[in-house]
Amino acid sequence: MTQSSEKPVSEMSFEEAMAALEAVVGQLERGDVPLEASIALYERGAALKAHCDAKLKAAEEKVEAITLDGAGKPTGTKPAEDL
């Protein structure tokens, strides 16, 4: 797959971005990529990492623990960081 036909990072799910990031790292670790392509791969890898970080942060902000009353009914939510 050429760079121009790759799915834009902003449209990727977390799982897609992680798989793409792993592929980029694998290519860079092999060291058989020409310099210009390595630079482009590194830039894409940086964008993928930032996208994954943002997706994780957004998910973290959504994760909440439901607090229950004595009858087992939800009474509210509690941020994950307070767990």
C-alpha atoms as a PDB file:
ATOM      1  CA  MET A   1       0.000   0.000   0.000  1.00  0.00           C
ATOM      2  CA  THR A   2       1.454   3.357  -0.941  1.00  0.00           C
ATOM      3  CA  GLN A   3       1.388   6.367   1.344  1.00  0.00           C
ATOM      4  CA  SER A   4      -1.195   8.185  -0.794  1.00  0.00           C
ATOM      5  CA  SER A   5      -3.684   5.300  -0.648  1.00  0.00           C
ATOM      6  CA  GLU A   6      -3.387   4.775   3.101  1.00  0.00           C
ATOM      7  CA  LYS A   7      -6.382   5.648   5.239  1.00  0.00           C
ATOM      8  CA  PRO A   8      -6.008   9.077   6.857  1.00  0.00           C
ATOM      9  CA  VAL A   9      -4.905   8.781  10.483  1.00  0.00           C
ATOM     10  CA  SER A  10      -7.802  10.961  11.662  1.00  0.00           C
ATOM     11  CA  GLU A  11     -10.299   8.412  10.276  1.00  0.00           C
ATOM     12  CA  MET A  12      -8.706   5.383  11.980  1.00  0.00           C
ATOM     13  CA  SER A  13     -10.047   3.570  14.989  1.00  0.00           C
ATOM     14  CA  PHE A  14      -7.661   3.033  17.873  1.00  0.00           C
ATOM     15  CA  GLU A  15      -7.096  -0.567  16.776  1.00  0.00           C
ATOM     16  CA  GLU A  16      -6.383   0.414  13.174  1.00  0.00           C
ATOM     17  CA  ALA A  17      -3.952   3.104  14.288  1.00  0.00           C
ATOM     18  CA  MET A  18      -2.124   0.727  16.640  1.00  0.00           C
ATOM     19  CA  ALA A  19      -1.776  -1.887  13.887  1.00  0.00           C
ATOM     20  CA  ALA A  20      -0.499   0.755  11.473  1.00  0.00           C
ATOM     21  CA  LEU A  21       1.928   2.063  14.096  1.00  0.00           C
ATOM     22  CA  GLU A  22       3.247  -1.458  14.697  1.00  0.00           C
ATOM     23  CA  ALA A  23       3.763  -1.864  10.942  1.00  0.00           C
ATOM     24  CA  VAL A  24       5.642   1.446  10.758  1.00  0.00           C
ATOM     25  CA  VAL A  25       7.880   0.478  13.676  1.00  0.00           C
ATOM     26  CA  GLY A  26       8.557  -2.897  12.071  1.00  0.00           C
ATOM     27  CA  GLN A  27       9.587  -1.297   8.792  1.00  0.00           C
ATOM     28  CA  LEU A  28      11.844   1.216  10.532  1.00  0.00           C
ATOM     29  CA  GLU A  29      13.449  -1.478  12.706  1.00  0.00           C
ATOM     30  CA  ARG A  30      14.299  -3.606   9.678  1.00  0.00           C
ATOM     31  CA  GLY A  31      16.283  -0.685   8.318  1.00  0.00           C
ATOM     32  CA  ASP A  32      15.729  -1.643   4.687  1.00  0.00           C
ATOM     33  CA  VAL A  33      13.746   1.491   3.819  1.00  0.00           C
ATOM     34  CA  PRO A  34      15.405   4.341   1.878  1.00  0.00           C
ATOM     35  CA  LEU A  35      16.079   7.523   3.855  1.00  0.00           C
ATOM     36  CA  GLU A  36      13.261   9.601   2.342  1.00  0.00           C
ATOM     37  CA  ALA A  37      10.759   6.792   2.933  1.00  0.00           C
ATOM     38  CA  SER A  38      12.079   6.393   6.489  1.00  0.00           C
ATOM     39  CA  ILE A  39      11.414  10.068   7.164  1.00  0.00           C
ATOM     40  CA  ALA A  40       7.864   9.747   5.817  1.00  0.00           C
ATOM     41  CA  LEU A  41       7.330   6.589   7.895  1.00  0.00           C
ATOM     42  CA  TYR A  42       8.624   8.329  11.006  1.00  0.00           C
ATOM     43  CA  GLU A  43       6.257  11.262  10.418  1.00  0.00           C
ATOM     44  CA  ARG A  44       3.317   8.895   9.930  1.00  0.00           C
ATOM     45  CA  GLY A  45       4.349   6.996  13.053  1.00  0.00           C
ATOM     46  CA  ALA A  46       4.377  10.218  15.064  1.00  0.00           C
ATOM     47  CA  ALA A  47       0.888  11.080  13.779  1.00  0.00           C
ATOM     48  CA  LEU A  48      -0.350   7.564  14.580  1.00  0.00           C
ATOM     49  CA  LYS A  49       1.073   7.760  18.109  1.00  0.00           C
ATOM     50  CA  ALA A  50      -0.569  11.133  18.716  1.00  0.00           C
ATOM     51  CA  HIS A  51      -3.875   9.757  17.397  1.00  0.00           C
ATOM     52  CA  CYS A  52      -3.652   6.713  19.687  1.00  0.00           C
ATOM     53  CA  ASP A  53      -2.821   8.931  22.657  1.00  0.00           C
ATOM     54  CA  ALA A  54      -5.846  11.121  21.915  1.00  0.00           C
ATOM     55  CA  LYS A  55      -8.138   8.106  21.516  1.00  0.00           C
ATOM     56  CA  LEU A  56      -6.906   6.661  24.828  1.00  0.00           C
ATOM     57  CA  LYS A  57      -7.396   9.983  26.612  1.00  0.00           C
ATOM     58  CA  ALA A  58     -10.928  10.291  25.237  1.00  0.00           C
ATOM     59  CA  ALA A  59     -11.734   6.732  26.310  1.00  0.00           C
ATOM     60  CA  GLU A  60     -10.244   7.335  29.740  1.00  0.00           C
ATOM     61  CA  GLU A  61     -12.454  10.383  30.189  1.00  0.00           C
ATOM     62  CA  LYS A  62     -15.529   8.301  29.333  1.00  0.00           C
ATOM     63  CA  VAL A  63     -14.725   5.444  31.676  1.00  0.00           C
ATOM     64  CA  GLU A  64     -16.720   5.960  34.803  1.00  0.00           C
ATOM     65  CA  ALA A  65     -17.791   3.762  37.662  1.00  0.00           C
ATOM     66  CA  ILE A  66     -21.497   3.703  38.351  1.00  0.00           C
ATOM     67  CA  THR A  67     -22.299   4.248  41.999  1.00  0.00           C
ATOM     68  CA  LEU A  68     -25.208   2.216  43.342  1.00  0.00           C
ATOM     69  CA  ASP A  69     -27.581   2.940  46.175  1.00  0.00           C
ATOM     70  CA  GLY A  70     -28.586   0.398  48.816  1.00  0.00           C
ATOM     71  CA  ALA A  71     -31.161  -1.111  46.442  1.00  0.00           C
ATOM     72  CA  GLY A  72     -28.575  -1.574  43.707  1.00  0.00           C
ATOM     73  CA  LYS A  73     -29.908   1.261  41.562  1.00  0.00           C
ATOM     74  CA  PRO A  74     -27.518   3.650  39.835  1.00  0.00           C
ATOM     75  CA  THR A  75     -27.283   6.969  41.664  1.00  0.00           C
ATOM     76  CA  GLY A  76     -24.611   8.659  39.621  1.00  0.00           C
ATOM     77  CA  THR A  77     -21.197   8.254  38.181  1.00  0.00           C
ATOM     78  CA  LYS A  78     -17.708   8.635  39.489  1.00  0.00           C
ATOM     79  CA  PRO A  79     -14.713   9.583  37.313  1.00  0.00           C
ATOM     80  CA  ALA A  80     -12.321   6.708  36.685  1.00  0.00           C
ATOM     81  CA  GLU A  81      -9.455   8.667  38.235  1.00  0.00           C
ATOM     82  CA  ASP A  82     -11.329   8.611  41.579  1.00  0.00           C
ATOM     83  CA  LEU A  83     -11.492   4.790  41.650  1.00  0.00           C
END
